[in-house]
Amino acid sequence: MSKLILTQEVTGLGAPGDVVEVKDGYARNYLLPRGYALTWTKGGEKDVERIRQARKAREIATVEEAQSVAEKLQAKTVEVSVKTGDSGRLFGTVGAAQIAEAVEAAGLGSIDRRTVQLPERIKAVGHYTATVKLHPEVTATIDLQVVPAR
């Protein structure tokens, strides 16, 4: 078993800053190469504290505040403008970072790109939905309208 410090949220395992024990193969082949975790060392306690402080700065503090942000996000459709070809297919895909930028540009506040979860890859113009985990107890659904750039 390997002892690791998570640097990003891993579904079913933990949040950034958590110290977890996983099987060696999972650590070596998945978590470490993708940058989701660091190997645990005695000096790693400083890293744990730094990661937790960064997460706390990005995180919405209270449930009530998260619910108010969720209501704002669910009330309006967010428009994402992307470069497309003649047939309406995108050059690439729409990612979480583009969605976070579009939410901020729409005046709905600032969300962390790491909290945006897409059920499918967005490769064409159209109407999509994404979920945002604003707080451990609050998630919001965003309506996305992907349109060609003018």
Protein backbone atom coordinates (compact mmCIF):
# COMPACT_ATOMS: atom_id res chain seq x y z
CA MET A 1 0.00 0.00 0.00
CA SER A 2 1.20 3.51 -0.87
CA LYS A 3 0.57 6.54 1.29
CA LEU A 4 -0.23 9.64 -0.81
CA ILE A 5 -1.27 13.28 -0.44
CA LEU A 6 -4.09 14.19 -2.84
CA THR A 7 -3.57 17.39 -4.84
CA GLN A 8 -6.95 17.28 -6.61
CA GLU A 9 -10.35 15.83 -5.80
CA VAL A 10 -10.62 12.17 -6.76
CA THR A 11 -14.17 10.80 -6.75
CA GLY A 12 -14.58 8.07 -4.18
CA LEU A 13 -11.15 8.68 -2.65
CA GLY A 14 -10.91 12.16 -1.16
CA ALA A 15 -10.39 15.89 -1.51
CA PRO A 16 -7.21 17.91 -2.00
CA GLY A 17 -5.00 17.80 1.07
CA ASP A 18 -6.25 14.41 2.28
CA VAL A 19 -3.68 11.74 3.12
CA VAL A 20 -4.84 8.38 1.76
CA GLU A 21 -3.54 4.84 1.42
CA VAL A 22 -4.08 3.13 -1.93
CA LYS A 23 -2.73 0.07 -3.69
CA ASP A 24 0.68 0.50 -5.30
CA GLY A 25 -0.55 -0.03 -8.87
CA TYR A 26 -3.34 2.56 -8.55
CA ALA A 27 -0.83 5.08 -7.22
CA ARG A 28 1.92 4.29 -9.74
CA ASN A 29 -0.27 3.96 -12.85
CA TYR A 30 -3.08 6.47 -12.28
CA LEU A 31 -2.76 8.99 -9.44
CA LEU A 32 0.91 9.97 -9.68
CA PRO A 33 1.27 10.26 -13.50
CA ARG A 34 -1.86 12.44 -13.78
CA GLY A 35 -0.74 14.73 -10.95
CA TYR A 36 -3.69 13.87 -8.70
CA ALA A 37 -1.38 12.99 -5.80
CA LEU A 38 2.11 13.34 -4.32
CA THR A 39 3.98 10.69 -2.41
CA TRP A 40 3.73 11.16 1.34
CA THR A 41 6.88 12.09 3.23
CA LYS A 42 7.55 13.28 6.75
CA GLY A 43 8.17 16.78 5.38
CA GLY A 44 4.93 16.53 3.39
CA GLU A 45 2.87 17.96 6.25
CA LYS A 46 3.77 21.44 4.96
CA ASP A 47 2.40 20.46 1.56
CA VAL A 48 -0.81 19.16 3.15
CA GLU A 49 -1.37 22.43 4.98
CA ARG A 50 -0.60 24.51 1.86
CA ILE A 51 -3.03 22.46 -0.25
CA ARG A 52 -5.77 22.74 2.37
CA GLN A 53 -5.33 26.53 2.62
CA ALA A 54 -5.51 26.90 -1.17
CA ARG A 55 -8.67 24.75 -1.26
CA LYS A 56 -10.24 26.80 1.53
CA ALA A 57 -9.52 30.04 -0.37
CA ARG A 58 -11.25 28.69 -3.52
CA GLU A 59 -14.14 27.05 -1.70
CA ILE A 60 -17.40 28.78 -0.90
CA ALA A 61 -17.56 29.15 2.87
CA THR A 62 -21.15 28.44 3.86
CA VAL A 63 -24.00 26.30 2.60
CA GLU A 64 -26.31 29.32 2.35
CA GLU A 65 -23.83 31.19 0.17
CA ALA A 66 -23.39 28.12 -2.04
CA GLN A 67 -27.17 27.76 -2.40
CA SER A 68 -27.52 31.40 -3.48
CA VAL A 69 -24.79 30.92 -6.11
CA ALA A 70 -26.52 27.71 -7.25
CA GLU A 71 -29.83 29.55 -7.69
CA LYS A 72 -28.10 32.18 -9.85
CA LEU A 73 -26.43 29.52 -11.99
CA GLN A 74 -29.62 27.54 -12.52
CA ALA A 75 -31.72 30.59 -13.37
CA LYS A 76 -29.82 31.58 -16.50
CA THR A 77 -28.48 29.83 -19.60
CA VAL A 78 -24.75 30.36 -20.08
CA GLU A 79 -23.58 30.97 -23.63
CA VAL A 80 -20.21 29.53 -24.66
CA SER A 81 -18.82 30.94 -27.91
CA VAL A 82 -16.37 28.67 -29.77
CA LYS A 83 -14.68 28.39 -33.16
CA THR A 84 -16.47 25.95 -35.45
CA GLY A 85 -16.17 24.49 -38.91
CA ASP A 86 -18.76 24.74 -41.69
CA SER A 87 -20.80 21.79 -40.42
CA GLY A 88 -21.09 23.07 -36.83
CA ARG A 89 -18.40 20.80 -35.42
CA LEU A 90 -15.96 22.40 -33.02
CA PHE A 91 -12.23 22.73 -33.41
CA GLY A 92 -11.47 20.65 -30.30
CA THR A 93 -13.88 20.36 -27.38
CA VAL A 94 -15.42 22.67 -24.80
CA GLY A 95 -13.68 22.14 -21.47
CA ALA A 96 -14.32 23.01 -17.87
CA ALA A 97 -12.06 26.06 -18.04
CA GLN A 98 -14.08 27.56 -20.92
CA ILE A 99 -17.30 26.96 -19.01
CA ALA A 100 -15.91 28.66 -15.89
CA GLU A 101 -14.84 31.66 -18.02
CA ALA A 102 -18.28 31.84 -19.65
CA VAL A 103 -20.01 31.80 -16.25
CA GLU A 104 -17.81 34.68 -15.09
CA ALA A 105 -18.38 36.59 -18.35
CA ALA A 106 -22.15 36.17 -17.91
CA GLY A 107 -21.89 37.95 -14.56
CA LEU A 108 -22.91 34.93 -12.49
CA GLY A 109 -19.84 34.96 -10.28
CA SER A 110 -16.59 33.07 -10.30
CA ILE A 111 -16.42 29.27 -10.09
CA ASP A 112 -13.40 27.00 -9.96
CA ARG A 113 -12.87 25.01 -13.16
CA ARG A 114 -12.04 21.91 -11.10
CA THR A 115 -15.61 21.80 -9.77
CA VAL A 116 -17.23 21.64 -13.23
CA GLN A 117 -18.27 18.13 -14.29
CA LEU A 118 -19.37 17.36 -17.84
CA PRO A 119 -21.43 14.20 -18.48
CA GLU A 120 -20.15 14.00 -22.07
CA ARG A 121 -17.55 15.64 -24.28
CA ILE A 122 -18.92 18.69 -26.06
CA LYS A 123 -17.89 18.47 -29.73
CA ALA A 124 -20.70 20.31 -31.54
CA VAL A 125 -22.86 23.40 -31.15
CA GLY A 126 -26.08 22.88 -29.24
CA HIS A 127 -27.67 22.73 -25.81
CA TYR A 128 -25.89 20.88 -22.96
CA THR A 129 -25.93 20.64 -19.18
CA ALA A 130 -23.05 20.55 -16.72
CA THR A 131 -22.93 20.16 -12.95
CA VAL A 132 -20.89 22.27 -10.57
CA LYS A 133 -19.97 21.12 -7.07
CA LEU A 134 -20.06 24.41 -5.17
CA HIS A 135 -19.88 22.94 -1.67
CA PRO A 136 -19.72 19.36 -0.35
CA GLU A 137 -23.49 19.57 0.21
CA VAL A 138 -24.51 21.78 -2.77
CA THR A 139 -24.35 21.04 -6.48
CA ALA A 140 -25.82 23.14 -9.27
CA THR A 141 -26.85 22.30 -12.82
CA ILE A 142 -25.84 24.80 -15.51
CA ASP A 143 -27.64 25.04 -18.85
CA LEU A 144 -25.05 25.65 -21.59
CA GLN A 145 -25.71 26.96 -25.05
CA VAL A 146 -22.67 26.33 -27.29
CA VAL A 147 -22.73 28.76 -30.22
CA PRO A 148 -20.30 29.50 -33.09
CA ALA A 149 -17.98 32.46 -32.56
CA ARG A 150 -18.85 35.54 -34.56
